[in-house]
Structure formats: C-alpha cells, structure tokens
Amino acid sequence: MTDMEKLLRSLIDQYRSIDIVESEFKRMLNEDNTIKDDYISWCEEFGYSPKKGYREYIQQIFESEDSIWDSFIQFEDEN
C-alpha cells in the first residue's frame, strides 16, 4: 500500500509549490491505478474528499510550515 502522506510530503519537498505538487500528483493518479486505489482508501480513512483531499492535505502542510515560521519571527521580534 502506498503511504500517501509520505508520497505527498516527498512531492512537497521536491517542488515547494502547491500548483506543481497538485499537477504532479494528479499525473500520478492518472498513470497508476494502485496509487489511485490507495489514495481513495486514504481519503476514506482520514475523512478527505477523493476529489480534492490531496489539495486539502497539501494546504495543511504549507499552512503548518508557515505557522512555524510566523511563530519563530514573532519570537525573534519579541527579543
């Protein structure tokens, strides 16, 4: 079974752009039925919509990373 979080994380690390990650992931889904089936199962397990679940997850990762940097900058500004 494909680890969707690991796969999406590797695409994020590689491309660092939501649009490019989304495009690459869609390509993978269209080319590999195993990944597509595993993705649908992953969506069901974690409550994501199969239509846009990958995008929701990608956005969460980027927002989480932004939040970490915002906290760091705020901490630096206070000192």
PDB file of N, CA and C in Angstrom:
ATOM      1  N   MET A   1       0.845  -1.187   0.000  1.00  0.00           N
ATOM      2  CA  MET A   1       0.000   0.000   0.000  1.00  0.00           C
ATOM      3  C   MET A   1       0.887   1.246   0.000  1.00  0.00           C
ATOM      4  N   THR A   2       0.514   2.204  -0.810  1.00  0.00           N
ATOM      5  CA  THR A   2       1.244   3.458  -0.922  1.00  0.00           C
ATOM      6  C   THR A   2       0.974   4.330   0.301  1.00  0.00           C
ATOM      7  N   ASP A   3       2.015   4.861   0.898  1.00  0.00           N
ATOM      8  CA  ASP A   3       1.880   5.785   2.020  1.00  0.00           C
ATOM      9  C   ASP A   3       1.634   7.177   1.438  1.00  0.00           C
ATOM     10  N   MET A   4       0.377   7.597   1.421  1.00  0.00           N
ATOM     11  CA  MET A   4       0.000   8.866   0.776  1.00  0.00           C
ATOM     12  C   MET A   4       0.672  10.057   1.428  1.00  0.00           C
ATOM     13  N   GLU A   5       0.732  10.071   2.741  1.00  0.00           N
ATOM     14  CA  GLU A   5       1.352  11.213   3.406  1.00  0.00           C
ATOM     15  C   GLU A   5       2.830  11.306   3.049  1.00  0.00           C
ATOM     16  N   LYS A   6       3.502  10.184   2.995  1.00  0.00           N
ATOM     17  CA  LYS A   6       4.912  10.183   2.633  1.00  0.00           C
ATOM     18  C   LYS A   6       5.089  10.613   1.165  1.00  0.00           C
ATOM     19  N   LEU A   7       4.225  10.121   0.291  1.00  0.00           N
ATOM     20  CA  LEU A   7       4.289  10.482  -1.121  1.00  0.00           C
ATOM     21  C   LEU A   7       4.039  11.976  -1.315  1.00  0.00           C
ATOM     22  N   LEU A   8       2.982  12.494  -0.708  1.00  0.00           N
ATOM     23  CA  LEU A   8       2.677  13.908  -0.842  1.00  0.00           C
ATOM     24  C   LEU A   8       3.778  14.767  -0.224  1.00  0.00           C
ATOM     25  N   ARG A   9       4.308  14.344   0.909  1.00  0.00           N
ATOM     26  CA  ARG A   9       5.393  15.078   1.562  1.00  0.00           C
ATOM     27  C   ARG A   9       6.635  15.125   0.669  1.00  0.00           C
ATOM     28  N   SER A  10       6.923  14.006   0.002  1.00  0.00           N
ATOM     29  CA  SER A  10       8.097  13.991  -0.878  1.00  0.00           C
ATOM     30  C   SER A  10       7.895  14.927  -2.074  1.00  0.00           C
ATOM     31  N   LEU A  11       6.670  15.000  -2.585  1.00  0.00           N
ATOM     32  CA  LEU A  11       6.377  15.931  -3.684  1.00  0.00           C
ATOM     33  C   LEU A  11       6.498  17.375  -3.204  1.00  0.00           C
ATOM     34  N   ILE A  12       6.022  17.655  -1.999  1.00  0.00           N
ATOM     35  CA  ILE A  12       6.134  19.000  -1.431  1.00  0.00           C
ATOM     36  C   ILE A  12       7.602  19.378  -1.278  1.00  0.00           C
ATOM     37  N   ASP A  13       8.382  18.473  -0.727  1.00  0.00           N
ATOM     38  CA  ASP A  13       9.810  18.746  -0.538  1.00  0.00           C
ATOM     39  C   ASP A  13      10.529  18.960  -1.865  1.00  0.00           C
ATOM     40  N   GLN A  14      10.096  18.236  -2.879  1.00  0.00           N
ATOM     41  CA  GLN A  14      10.748  18.323  -4.182  1.00  0.00           C
ATOM     42  C   GLN A  14      10.368  19.597  -4.937  1.00  0.00           C
ATOM     43  N   TYR A  15       9.078  19.961  -4.925  1.00  0.00           N
ATOM     44  CA  TYR A  15       8.616  21.044  -5.789  1.00  0.00           C
ATOM     45  C   TYR A  15       8.336  22.367  -5.075  1.00  0.00           C
ATOM     46  N   ARG A  16       7.987  22.348  -3.801  1.00  0.00           N
ATOM     47  CA  ARG A  16       7.752  23.542  -2.991  1.00  0.00           C
ATOM     48  C   ARG A  16       6.718  24.505  -3.586  1.00  0.00           C
ATOM     49  N   SER A  17       5.793  23.987  -4.355  1.00  0.00           N
ATOM     50  CA  SER A  17       4.732  24.800  -4.951  1.00  0.00           C
ATOM     51  C   SER A  17       3.450  23.972  -4.956  1.00  0.00           C
ATOM     52  N   ILE A  18       2.386  24.540  -4.394  1.00  0.00           N
ATOM     53  CA  ILE A  18       1.117  23.805  -4.326  1.00  0.00           C
ATOM     54  C   ILE A  18       0.653  23.400  -5.720  1.00  0.00           C
ATOM     55  N   ASP A  19       0.745  24.321  -6.668  1.00  0.00           N
ATOM     56  CA  ASP A  19       0.258  24.043  -8.027  1.00  0.00           C
ATOM     57  C   ASP A  19       1.049  22.918  -8.697  1.00  0.00           C
ATOM     58  N   ILE A  20       2.353  22.934  -8.541  1.00  0.00           N
ATOM     59  CA  ILE A  20       3.174  21.894  -9.167  1.00  0.00           C
ATOM     60  C   ILE A  20       2.956  20.552  -8.478  1.00  0.00           C
ATOM     61  N   VAL A  21       2.868  20.562  -7.152  1.00  0.00           N
ATOM     62  CA  VAL A  21       2.610  19.314  -6.420  1.00  0.00           C
ATOM     63  C   VAL A  21       1.270  18.733  -6.849  1.00  0.00           C
ATOM     64  N   GLU A  22       0.265  19.584  -6.933  1.00  0.00           N
ATOM     65  CA  GLU A  22      -1.060  19.133  -7.349  1.00  0.00           C
ATOM     66  C   GLU A  22      -1.020  18.529  -8.753  1.00  0.00           C
ATOM     67  N   SER A  23      -0.363  19.192  -9.663  1.00  0.00           N
ATOM     68  CA  SER A  23      -0.261  18.719 -11.036  1.00  0.00           C
ATOM     69  C   SER A  23       0.464  17.370 -11.102  1.00  0.00           C
ATOM     70  N   GLU A  24       1.562  17.271 -10.398  1.00  0.00           N
ATOM     71  CA  GLU A  24       2.340  16.024 -10.398  1.00  0.00           C
ATOM     72  C   GLU A  24       1.538  14.888  -9.763  1.00  0.00           C
ATOM     73  N   PHE A  25       0.836  15.172  -8.677  1.00  0.00           N
ATOM     74  CA  PHE A  25       0.052  14.126  -8.010  1.00  0.00           C
ATOM     75  C   PHE A  25      -1.101  13.665  -8.901  1.00  0.00           C
ATOM     76  N   LYS A  26      -1.772  14.587  -9.559  1.00  0.00           N
ATOM     77  CA  LYS A  26      -2.846  14.214 -10.496  1.00  0.00           C
ATOM     78  C   LYS A  26      -2.308  13.306 -11.603  1.00  0.00           C
ATOM     79  N   ARG A  27      -1.116  13.648 -12.105  1.00  0.00           N
ATOM     80  CA  ARG A  27      -0.494  12.829 -13.148  1.00  0.00           C
ATOM     81  C   ARG A  27      -0.258  11.416 -12.621  1.00  0.00           C
ATOM     82  N   MET A  28       0.234  11.314 -11.405  1.00  0.00           N
ATOM     83  CA  MET A  28       0.495  10.002 -10.813  1.00  0.00           C
ATOM     84  C   MET A  28      -0.797   9.196 -10.653  1.00  0.00           C
ATOM     85  N   LEU A  29      -1.861   9.866 -10.218  1.00  0.00           N
ATOM     86  CA  LEU A  29      -3.150   9.183 -10.065  1.00  0.00           C
ATOM     87  C   LEU A  29      -3.667   8.648 -11.396  1.00  0.00           C
ATOM     88  N   ASN A  30      -3.484   9.430 -12.451  1.00  0.00           N
ATOM     89  CA  ASN A  30      -3.957   9.019 -13.777  1.00  0.00           C
ATOM     90  C   ASN A  30      -3.130   7.890 -14.377  1.00  0.00           C
ATOM     91  N   GLU A  31      -1.866   7.815 -13.989  1.00  0.00           N
ATOM     92  CA  GLU A  31      -0.969   6.815 -14.587  1.00  0.00           C
ATOM     93  C   GLU A  31      -0.872   5.514 -13.801  1.00  0.00           C
ATOM     94  N   ASP A  32      -1.243   5.522 -12.534  1.00  0.00           N
ATOM     95  CA  ASP A  32      -1.021   4.350 -11.687  1.00  0.00           C
ATOM     96  C   ASP A  32      -2.278   4.031 -10.878  1.00  0.00           C
ATOM     97  N   ASN A  33      -2.968   2.959 -11.276  1.00  0.00           N
ATOM     98  CA  ASN A  33      -4.217   2.586 -10.598  1.00  0.00           C
ATOM     99  C   ASN A  33      -4.000   2.160  -9.154  1.00  0.00           C
ATOM    100  N   THR A  34      -2.837   1.622  -8.841  1.00  0.00           N
ATOM    101  CA  THR A  34      -2.549   1.236  -7.451  1.00  0.00           C
ATOM    102  C   THR A  34      -2.507   2.469  -6.569  1.00  0.00           C
ATOM    103  N   ILE A  35      -1.816   3.501  -7.038  1.00  0.00           N
ATOM    104  CA  ILE A  35      -1.763   4.747  -6.275  1.00  0.00           C
ATOM    105  C   ILE A  35      -3.163   5.341  -6.150  1.00  0.00           C
ATOM    106  N   LYS A  36      -3.926   5.295  -7.225  1.00  0.00           N
ATOM    107  CA  LYS A  36      -5.287   5.835  -7.204  1.00  0.00           C
ATOM    108  C   LYS A  36      -6.162   5.090  -6.190  1.00  0.00           C
ATOM    109  N   ASP A  37      -6.093   3.765  -6.183  1.00  0.00           N
ATOM    110  CA  ASP A  37      -6.874   2.968  -5.230  1.00  0.00           C
ATOM    111  C   ASP A  37      -6.429   3.241  -3.790  1.00  0.00           C
ATOM    112  N   ASP A  38      -5.120   3.326  -3.576  1.00  0.00           N
ATOM    113  CA  ASP A  38      -4.593   3.610  -2.243  1.00  0.00           C
ATOM    114  C   ASP A  38      -4.992   5.014  -1.795  1.00  0.00           C
ATOM    115  N   TYR A  39      -5.018   5.940  -2.724  1.00  0.00           N
ATOM    116  CA  TYR A  39      -5.419   7.311  -2.421  1.00  0.00           C
ATOM    117  C   TYR A  39      -6.883   7.345  -1.976  1.00  0.00           C
ATOM    118  N   ILE A  40      -7.746   6.658  -2.679  1.00  0.00           N
ATOM    119  CA  ILE A  40      -9.168   6.622  -2.313  1.00  0.00           C
ATOM    120  C   ILE A  40      -9.341   6.028  -0.924  1.00  0.00           C
ATOM    121  N   SER A  41      -8.617   4.966  -0.628  1.00  0.00           N
ATOM    122  CA  SER A  41      -8.670   4.361   0.713  1.00  0.00           C
ATOM    123  C   SER A  41      -8.170   5.330   1.775  1.00  0.00           C
ATOM    124  N   TRP A  42      -7.095   6.042   1.466  1.00  0.00           N
ATOM    125  CA  TRP A  42      -6.523   7.018   2.394  1.00  0.00           C
ATOM    126  C   TRP A  42      -7.541   8.123   2.685  1.00  0.00           C
ATOM    127  N   CYS A  43      -8.205   8.601   1.641  1.00  0.00           N
ATOM    128  CA  CYS A  43      -9.225   9.640   1.810  1.00  0.00           C
ATOM    129  C   CYS A  43     -10.345   9.155   2.728  1.00  0.00           C
ATOM    130  N   GLU A  44     -10.800   7.936   2.499  1.00  0.00           N
ATOM    131  CA  GLU A  44     -11.865   7.376   3.329  1.00  0.00           C
ATOM    132  C   GLU A  44     -11.417   7.249   4.781  1.00  0.00           C
ATOM    133  N   GLU A  45     -10.184   6.817   4.980  1.00  0.00           N
ATOM    134  CA  GLU A  45      -9.663   6.606   6.328  1.00  0.00           C
ATOM    135  C   GLU A  45      -9.522   7.919   7.106  1.00  0.00           C
ATOM    136  N   PHE A  46      -9.113   8.996   6.432  1.00  0.00           N
ATOM    137  CA  PHE A  46      -8.842  10.250   7.115  1.00  0.00           C
ATOM    138  C   PHE A  46      -9.900  11.327   6.889  1.00  0.00           C
ATOM    139  N   GLY A  47     -10.983  10.971   6.203  1.00  0.00           N
ATOM    140  CA  GLY A  47     -12.102  11.888   6.040  1.00  0.00           C
ATOM    141  C   GLY A  47     -11.914  12.967   4.992  1.00  0.00           C
ATOM    142  N   TYR A  48     -11.035  12.715   4.043  1.00  0.00           N
ATOM    143  CA  TYR A  48     -10.840  13.664   2.948  1.00  0.00           C
ATOM    144  C   TYR A  48     -11.760  13.314   1.784  1.00  0.00           C
ATOM    145  N   SER A  49     -12.086  14.325   1.004  1.00  0.00           N
ATOM    146  CA  SER A  49     -12.843  14.117  -0.223  1.00  0.00           C
ATOM    147  C   SER A  49     -11.880  13.595  -1.295  1.00  0.00           C
ATOM    148  N   PRO A  50     -12.202  12.481  -1.953  1.00  0.00           N
ATOM    149  CA  PRO A  50     -11.306  11.988  -3.004  1.00  0.00           C
ATOM    150  C   PRO A  50     -11.072  12.999  -4.126  1.00  0.00           C
ATOM    151  N   LYS A  51     -12.025  13.883  -4.341  1.00  0.00           N
ATOM    152  CA  LYS A  51     -11.873  14.859  -5.415  1.00  0.00           C
ATOM    153  C   LYS A  51     -10.777  15.880  -5.102  1.00  0.00           C
ATOM    154  N   LYS A  52     -10.682  16.330  -3.863  1.00  0.00           N
ATOM    155  CA  LYS A  52      -9.717  17.383  -3.515  1.00  0.00           C
ATOM    156  C   LYS A  52      -8.959  17.103  -2.217  1.00  0.00           C
ATOM    157  N   GLY A  53      -8.988  15.875  -1.737  1.00  0.00           N
ATOM    158  CA  GLY A  53      -8.319  15.546  -0.479  1.00  0.00           C
ATOM    159  C   GLY A  53      -6.834  15.828  -0.491  1.00  0.00           C
ATOM    160  N   TYR A  54      -6.196  15.524  -1.602  1.00  0.00           N
ATOM    161  CA  TYR A  54      -4.754  15.770  -1.698  1.00  0.00           C
ATOM    162  C   TYR A  54      -4.454  17.255  -1.558  1.00  0.00           C
ATOM    163  N   ARG A  55      -5.297  18.095  -2.149  1.00  0.00           N
ATOM    164  CA  ARG A  55      -5.077  19.550  -2.075  1.00  0.00           C
ATOM    165  C   ARG A  55      -5.277  20.041  -0.645  1.00  0.00           C
ATOM    166  N   GLU A  56      -6.292  19.518   0.044  1.00  0.00           N
ATOM    167  CA  GLU A  56      -6.517  19.893   1.434  1.00  0.00           C
ATOM    168  C   GLU A  56      -5.298  19.523   2.282  1.00  0.00           C
ATOM    169  N   TYR A  57      -4.766  18.340   2.068  1.00  0.00           N
ATOM    170  CA  TYR A  57      -3.607  17.888   2.833  1.00  0.00           C
ATOM    171  C   TYR A  57      -2.381  18.759   2.521  1.00  0.00           C
ATOM    172  N   ILE A  58      -2.155  19.033   1.257  1.00  0.00           N
ATOM    173  CA  ILE A  58      -1.018  19.865   0.843  1.00  0.00           C
ATOM    174  C   ILE A  58      -1.129  21.255   1.477  1.00  0.00           C
ATOM    175  N   GLN A  59      -2.312  21.843   1.457  1.00  0.00           N
ATOM    176  CA  GLN A  59      -2.514  23.158   2.048  1.00  0.00           C
ATOM    177  C   GLN A  59      -2.258  23.130   3.553  1.00  0.00           C
ATOM    178  N   GLN A  60      -2.679  22.057   4.211  1.00  0.00           N
ATOM    179  CA  GLN A  60      -2.432  21.930   5.647  1.00  0.00           C
ATOM    180  C   GLN A  60      -0.933  21.920   5.941  1.00  0.00           C
ATOM    181  N   ILE A  61      -0.178  21.220   5.127  1.00  0.00           N
ATOM    182  CA  ILE A  61       1.273  21.150   5.321  1.00  0.00           C
ATOM    183  C   ILE A  61       1.889  22.538   5.142  1.00  0.00           C
ATOM    184  N   PHE A  62       1.541  23.219   4.061  1.00  0.00           N
ATOM    185  CA  PHE A  62       2.094  24.554   3.817  1.00  0.00           C
ATOM    186  C   PHE A  62       1.679  25.529   4.925  1.00  0.00           C
ATOM    187  N   GLU A  63       0.426  25.474   5.364  1.00  0.00           N
ATOM    188  CA  GLU A  63      -0.033  26.355   6.436  1.00  0.00           C
ATOM    189  C   GLU A  63       0.692  26.045   7.742  1.00  0.00           C
ATOM    190  N   SER A  64       0.927  24.796   8.016  1.00  0.00           N
ATOM    191  CA  SER A  64       1.653  24.394   9.217  1.00  0.00           C
ATOM    192  C   SER A  64       3.074  24.938   9.189  1.00  0.00           C
ATOM    193  N   GLU A  65       3.723  24.829   8.043  1.00  0.00           N
ATOM    194  CA  GLU A  65       5.086  25.344   7.905  1.00  0.00           C
ATOM    195  C   GLU A  65       5.097  26.865   8.038  1.00  0.00           C
ATOM    196  N   ASP A  66       4.116  27.538   7.464  1.00  0.00           N
ATOM    197  CA  ASP A  66       4.023  28.991   7.596  1.00  0.00           C
ATOM    198  C   ASP A  66       3.830  29.387   9.055  1.00  0.00           C
ATOM    199  N   SER A  67       3.002  28.626   9.770  1.00  0.00           N
ATOM    200  CA  SER A  67       2.741  28.902  11.176  1.00  0.00           C
ATOM    201  C   SER A  67       4.013  28.781  12.011  1.00  0.00           C
ATOM    202  N   ILE A  68       4.825  27.798  11.705  1.00  0.00           N
ATOM    203  CA  ILE A  68       6.092  27.617  12.423  1.00  0.00           C
ATOM    204  C   ILE A  68       6.982  28.832  12.202  1.00  0.00           C
ATOM    205  N   TRP A  69       7.083  29.279  10.944  1.00  0.00           N
ATOM    206  CA  TRP A  69       7.916  30.445  10.643  1.00  0.00           C
ATOM    207  C   TRP A  69       7.350  31.708  11.276  1.00  0.00           C
ATOM    208  N   ASP A  70       6.032  31.859  11.268  1.00  0.00           N
ATOM    209  CA  ASP A  70       5.412  33.022  11.895  1.00  0.00           C
ATOM    210  C   ASP A  70       5.729  33.059  13.388  1.00  0.00           C
ATOM    211  N   SER A  71       5.669  31.908  14.046  1.00  0.00           N
ATOM    212  CA  SER A  71       5.988  31.834  15.470  1.00  0.00           C
ATOM    213  C   SER A  71       7.443  32.180  15.712  1.00  0.00           C
ATOM    214  N   PHE A  72       8.319  31.706  14.869  1.00  0.00           N
ATOM    215  CA  PHE A  72       9.737  31.991  15.002  1.00  0.00           C
ATOM    216  C   PHE A  72      10.017  33.481  14.826  1.00  0.00           C
ATOM    217  N   ILE A  73       9.409  34.081  13.828  1.00  0.00           N
ATOM    218  CA  ILE A  73       9.603  35.513  13.565  1.00  0.00           C
ATOM    219  C   ILE A  73       9.051  36.333  14.728  1.00  0.00           C
ATOM    220  N   GLN A  74       7.887  35.961  15.243  1.00  0.00           N
ATOM    221  CA  GLN A  74       7.294  36.659  16.370  1.00  0.00           C
ATOM    222  C   GLN A  74       8.197  36.557  17.592  1.00  0.00           C
ATOM    223  N   PHE A  75       8.766  35.385  17.841  1.00  0.00           N
ATOM    224  CA  PHE A  75       9.677  35.183  18.956  1.00  0.00           C
ATOM    225  C   PHE A  75      10.915  36.069  18.794  1.00  0.00           C
ATOM    226  N   GLU A  76      11.458  36.131  17.596  1.00  0.00           N
ATOM    227  CA  GLU A  76      12.630  36.969  17.320  1.00  0.00           C
ATOM    228  C   GLU A  76      12.312  38.455  17.537  1.00  0.00           C
ATOM    229  N   ASP A  77      11.116  38.871  17.125  1.00  0.00           N
ATOM    230  CA  ASP A  77      10.723  40.270  17.273  1.00  0.00           C
ATOM    231  C   ASP A  77      10.558  40.673  18.739  1.00  0.00           C
ATOM    232  N   GLU A  78      10.169  39.713  19.569  1.00  0.00           N
ATOM    233  CA  GLU A  78       9.956  39.999  20.984  1.00  0.00           C
ATOM    234  C   GLU A  78      11.258  40.076  21.766  1.00  0.00           C
ATOM    235  N   ASN A  79      12.326  39.544  21.209  1.00  0.00           N
ATOM    236  CA  ASN A  79      13.607  39.535  21.932  1.00  0.00           C
ATOM    237  C   ASN A  79      14.533  40.593  21.469  1.00  0.00           C
TER     238      ASN A  79
END
